[in-house]
Amino acid sequence: MTQPTGLTGRRVTANLSLTLDGRYHGPGGPGDFAAFAPYVTSDVARDHMNRMWESATTALLGRVNAEGFMGYWSSVAADDDADPRDRGYAQWLIGTEKVVLSTTLTEAPWERTRVVNAPAADVVTELKATGAGDILVNSSASVIKPLLKADLLDRLHLLILPEIAGGGQRLFDDGLPASRWRLAHRESGELGELALVYDRIR
């Protein structure tokens, strides 16, 4: 049985797209998303994105993702021609509480945002002790990886792409604590992409 942890019962959820060989970017470095581009705007991917934020009230991001996300999604939120699912996520991101982990930022350049210079596990433990709603770590591998190591993730939203990148960083490093997960949702797309949701069994 899946049990939310923490005093408030807040779940910690995370979202990431991965190639078949487990990479979250290609061999060209953190900006290499050539293998990802054909899939991230599919109906399956957009529906997957909608599922991940519908019960979340806090976005937890690394600095690099926060800068990229706020620069991109702010314009989508105001675009009447954008896909409604994209606009929905964009408006949620702008309006929700955001916590950005950074060792370099001293103040947040975005509204409803606070910057924290602390380990991800410590920040999540603090967030779980107050408030309500899911805490969503969206595509920030630098935050997801230490939370996996600390066994603090309760739900994983994974979009698996039918590509082998052949290089780049992997999400699941050796040495993670053993854990069991239950498949809560699955959906496949016409291009071969798989949207999977796994809940941690505790």
Protein backbone atom coordinates (compact mmCIF):
# COMPACT_ATOMS: atom_id res chain seq x y z
CA MET A 1 0.00 0.00 0.00
CA THR A 2 1.29 3.46 -0.88
CA GLN A 3 1.51 5.76 2.13
CA PRO A 4 2.30 9.48 1.87
CA THR A 5 5.05 10.44 4.28
CA GLY A 6 5.57 13.52 6.42
CA LEU A 7 3.43 15.20 9.04
CA THR A 8 1.03 16.74 6.53
CA GLY A 9 0.82 13.78 4.15
CA ARG A 10 2.21 15.88 1.28
CA ARG A 11 3.49 13.75 -1.58
CA VAL A 12 6.77 14.55 -3.30
CA THR A 13 6.40 13.92 -7.03
CA ALA A 14 8.91 14.23 -9.84
CA ASN A 15 8.73 14.37 -13.61
CA LEU A 16 11.44 13.59 -16.17
CA SER A 17 11.72 12.44 -19.77
CA LEU A 18 14.17 9.60 -20.40
CA THR A 19 15.53 7.80 -23.43
CA LEU A 20 15.56 4.00 -23.55
CA ASP A 21 19.11 4.03 -22.20
CA GLY A 22 18.00 6.13 -19.24
CA ARG A 23 19.43 9.52 -20.29
CA TYR A 24 17.78 12.85 -19.55
CA HIS A 25 19.89 14.66 -22.15
CA GLY A 26 22.04 13.61 -25.08
CA PRO A 27 25.81 13.23 -25.49
CA GLY A 28 26.17 16.91 -26.43
CA GLY A 29 25.60 18.01 -22.83
CA PRO A 30 22.74 19.46 -20.78
CA GLY A 31 21.37 21.39 -23.77
CA ASP A 32 21.24 18.37 -26.10
CA PHE A 33 17.58 17.41 -26.43
CA ALA A 34 17.63 16.27 -30.07
CA ALA A 35 16.32 12.82 -29.12
CA PHE A 36 13.48 14.38 -27.08
CA ALA A 37 12.12 17.01 -29.46
CA PRO A 38 9.83 14.79 -31.60
CA TYR A 39 7.92 13.53 -28.56
CA VAL A 40 7.43 16.31 -26.00
CA THR A 41 4.54 17.98 -27.85
CA SER A 42 2.57 14.79 -28.53
CA ASP A 43 -0.92 14.36 -27.07
CA VAL A 44 0.41 11.70 -24.71
CA ALA A 45 3.18 14.00 -23.47
CA ARG A 46 0.81 16.94 -22.99
CA ASP A 47 -1.75 14.82 -21.13
CA HIS A 48 1.10 13.44 -19.01
CA MET A 49 2.14 16.99 -18.13
CA ASN A 50 -1.41 17.86 -17.09
CA ARG A 51 -1.58 14.87 -14.74
CA MET A 52 1.63 15.78 -12.97
CA TRP A 53 0.61 19.26 -11.77
CA GLU A 54 -3.13 18.85 -11.16
CA SER A 55 -2.72 18.14 -7.42
CA ALA A 56 0.53 20.07 -6.88
CA THR A 57 0.72 23.32 -4.94
CA THR A 58 4.51 23.79 -4.83
CA ALA A 59 7.06 23.65 -7.64
CA LEU A 60 10.58 22.70 -6.56
CA LEU A 61 13.23 23.55 -9.17
CA GLY A 62 16.96 23.84 -9.66
CA ARG A 63 18.23 27.26 -10.74
CA VAL A 64 18.97 26.35 -14.37
CA ASN A 65 15.52 24.86 -14.91
CA ALA A 66 13.85 27.75 -13.12
CA GLU A 67 15.52 30.27 -15.41
CA GLY A 68 14.62 28.30 -18.53
CA PHE A 69 11.08 27.49 -17.43
CA MET A 70 10.12 31.00 -16.34
CA GLY A 71 11.55 32.49 -19.51
CA TYR A 72 9.60 30.09 -21.74
CA TRP A 73 6.35 29.38 -19.90
CA SER A 74 5.58 33.01 -19.07
CA SER A 75 4.98 33.71 -22.75
CA VAL A 76 2.91 30.53 -23.17
CA ALA A 77 0.61 31.57 -20.32
CA ALA A 78 -0.34 34.72 -22.24
CA ASP A 79 -0.61 33.06 -25.67
CA ASP A 80 -4.27 32.57 -26.65
CA ASP A 81 -3.19 30.30 -29.52
CA ALA A 82 -1.19 27.91 -27.33
CA ASP A 83 -2.47 24.39 -26.67
CA PRO A 84 -4.84 24.65 -23.66
CA ARG A 85 -2.84 21.99 -21.83
CA ASP A 86 0.35 24.02 -22.27
CA ARG A 87 -1.41 27.19 -21.10
CA GLY A 88 -2.83 25.37 -18.10
CA TYR A 89 0.61 24.24 -16.97
CA ALA A 90 2.13 27.66 -17.69
CA GLN A 91 -0.52 29.47 -15.65
CA TRP A 92 -0.12 26.98 -12.80
CA LEU A 93 3.68 27.45 -12.77
CA ILE A 94 3.44 31.23 -12.69
CA GLY A 95 0.74 31.28 -10.01
CA THR A 96 1.96 28.54 -7.68
CA GLU A 97 4.51 28.66 -4.85
CA LYS A 98 7.99 28.09 -6.27
CA VAL A 99 11.09 27.06 -4.34
CA VAL A 100 14.35 27.33 -6.30
CA LEU A 101 17.50 25.60 -5.07
CA SER A 102 20.59 27.67 -5.86
CA THR A 103 24.04 28.38 -4.51
CA THR A 104 24.43 31.51 -6.66
CA LEU A 105 21.11 33.39 -6.64
CA THR A 106 20.60 35.71 -3.69
CA GLU A 107 17.04 36.78 -4.50
CA ALA A 108 14.27 35.48 -6.74
CA PRO A 109 13.57 37.32 -10.00
CA TRP A 110 10.09 35.74 -10.17
CA GLU A 111 6.91 36.31 -8.18
CA ARG A 112 5.77 33.79 -5.56
CA THR A 113 9.30 32.36 -5.43
CA ARG A 114 11.88 31.91 -2.74
CA VAL A 115 15.50 30.92 -3.25
CA VAL A 116 17.04 28.40 -0.88
CA ASN A 117 20.71 27.45 -0.59
CA ALA A 118 20.36 24.08 1.14
CA PRO A 119 20.42 20.35 0.30
CA ALA A 120 17.33 19.16 -1.57
CA ALA A 121 16.51 16.57 1.10
CA ASP A 122 16.49 19.21 3.85
CA VAL A 123 14.26 21.53 1.80
CA VAL A 124 11.77 18.74 1.04
CA THR A 125 11.63 17.67 4.67
CA GLU A 126 10.77 21.26 5.61
CA LEU A 127 8.13 21.58 2.88
CA LYS A 128 6.49 18.29 3.87
CA ALA A 129 6.03 19.57 7.44
CA THR A 130 3.75 22.45 6.40
CA GLY A 131 1.08 23.25 3.83
CA ALA A 132 -0.95 20.93 1.64
CA GLY A 133 -0.87 19.54 -1.88
CA ASP A 134 1.87 17.77 -3.82
CA ILE A 135 5.40 19.09 -4.10
CA LEU A 136 6.39 18.74 -7.77
CA VAL A 137 10.00 18.52 -8.92
CA ASN A 138 9.59 19.14 -12.63
CA SER A 139 12.45 18.01 -14.89
CA SER A 140 15.18 19.17 -12.48
CA ALA A 141 17.49 16.14 -12.40
CA SER A 142 19.87 17.98 -10.05
CA VAL A 143 17.04 17.95 -7.48
CA ILE A 144 15.49 14.57 -8.34
CA LYS A 145 18.73 12.62 -7.99
CA PRO A 146 19.48 13.56 -4.35
CA LEU A 147 15.82 12.95 -3.46
CA LEU A 148 16.05 9.45 -4.95
CA LYS A 149 19.21 8.88 -2.92
CA ALA A 150 17.39 10.01 0.24
CA ASP A 151 14.28 7.95 -0.67
CA LEU A 152 12.06 11.03 -0.42
CA LEU A 153 10.12 10.66 -3.69
CA ASP A 154 6.58 9.30 -3.48
CA ARG A 155 5.59 9.42 -7.16
CA LEU A 156 7.53 9.36 -10.45
CA HIS A 157 6.08 10.66 -13.72
CA LEU A 158 8.31 9.28 -16.48
CA LEU A 159 8.01 9.87 -20.22
CA ILE A 160 10.02 7.11 -21.90
CA LEU A 161 11.13 7.90 -25.44
CA PRO A 162 11.93 5.22 -28.05
CA GLU A 163 15.47 6.53 -28.66
CA ILE A 164 18.91 5.44 -27.52
CA ALA A 165 20.93 8.59 -26.90
CA GLY A 166 24.25 6.78 -26.54
CA GLY A 167 25.58 9.35 -24.09
CA GLY A 168 24.55 11.95 -21.56
CA GLN A 169 23.60 11.82 -17.90
CA ARG A 170 21.51 8.97 -16.49
CA LEU A 171 18.83 9.45 -13.87
CA PHE A 172 19.32 6.21 -11.93
CA ASP A 173 22.89 6.05 -10.66
CA ASP A 174 24.46 3.01 -9.03
CA GLY A 175 24.26 3.02 -5.25
CA LEU A 176 20.65 4.18 -4.87
CA PRO A 177 18.74 2.56 -2.00
CA ALA A 178 16.60 -0.39 -3.07
CA SER A 179 12.90 0.48 -3.42
CA ARG A 180 9.64 -0.91 -4.81
CA TRP A 181 7.17 0.98 -6.98
CA ARG A 182 3.61 0.37 -8.17
CA LEU A 183 2.52 1.28 -11.70
CA ALA A 184 -0.37 3.74 -11.24
CA HIS A 185 -0.87 4.84 -14.86
CA ARG A 186 0.44 4.03 -18.32
CA GLU A 187 -0.30 5.37 -21.77
CA SER A 188 1.43 4.92 -25.10
CA GLY A 189 1.64 7.31 -28.02
CA GLU A 190 1.69 6.86 -31.78
CA LEU A 191 5.40 7.63 -31.92
CA GLY A 192 6.20 4.90 -29.39
CA GLU A 193 6.52 7.15 -26.34
CA LEU A 194 5.31 5.79 -23.00
CA ALA A 195 3.85 7.92 -20.21
CA LEU A 196 4.28 6.07 -16.92
CA VAL A 197 3.34 7.01 -13.35
CA TYR A 198 4.88 5.01 -10.49
CA ASP A 199 4.02 5.28 -6.79
CA ARG A 200 6.54 4.37 -4.12
CA ILE A 201 5.47 1.39 -2.02
CA ARG A 202 6.42 1.96 1.61
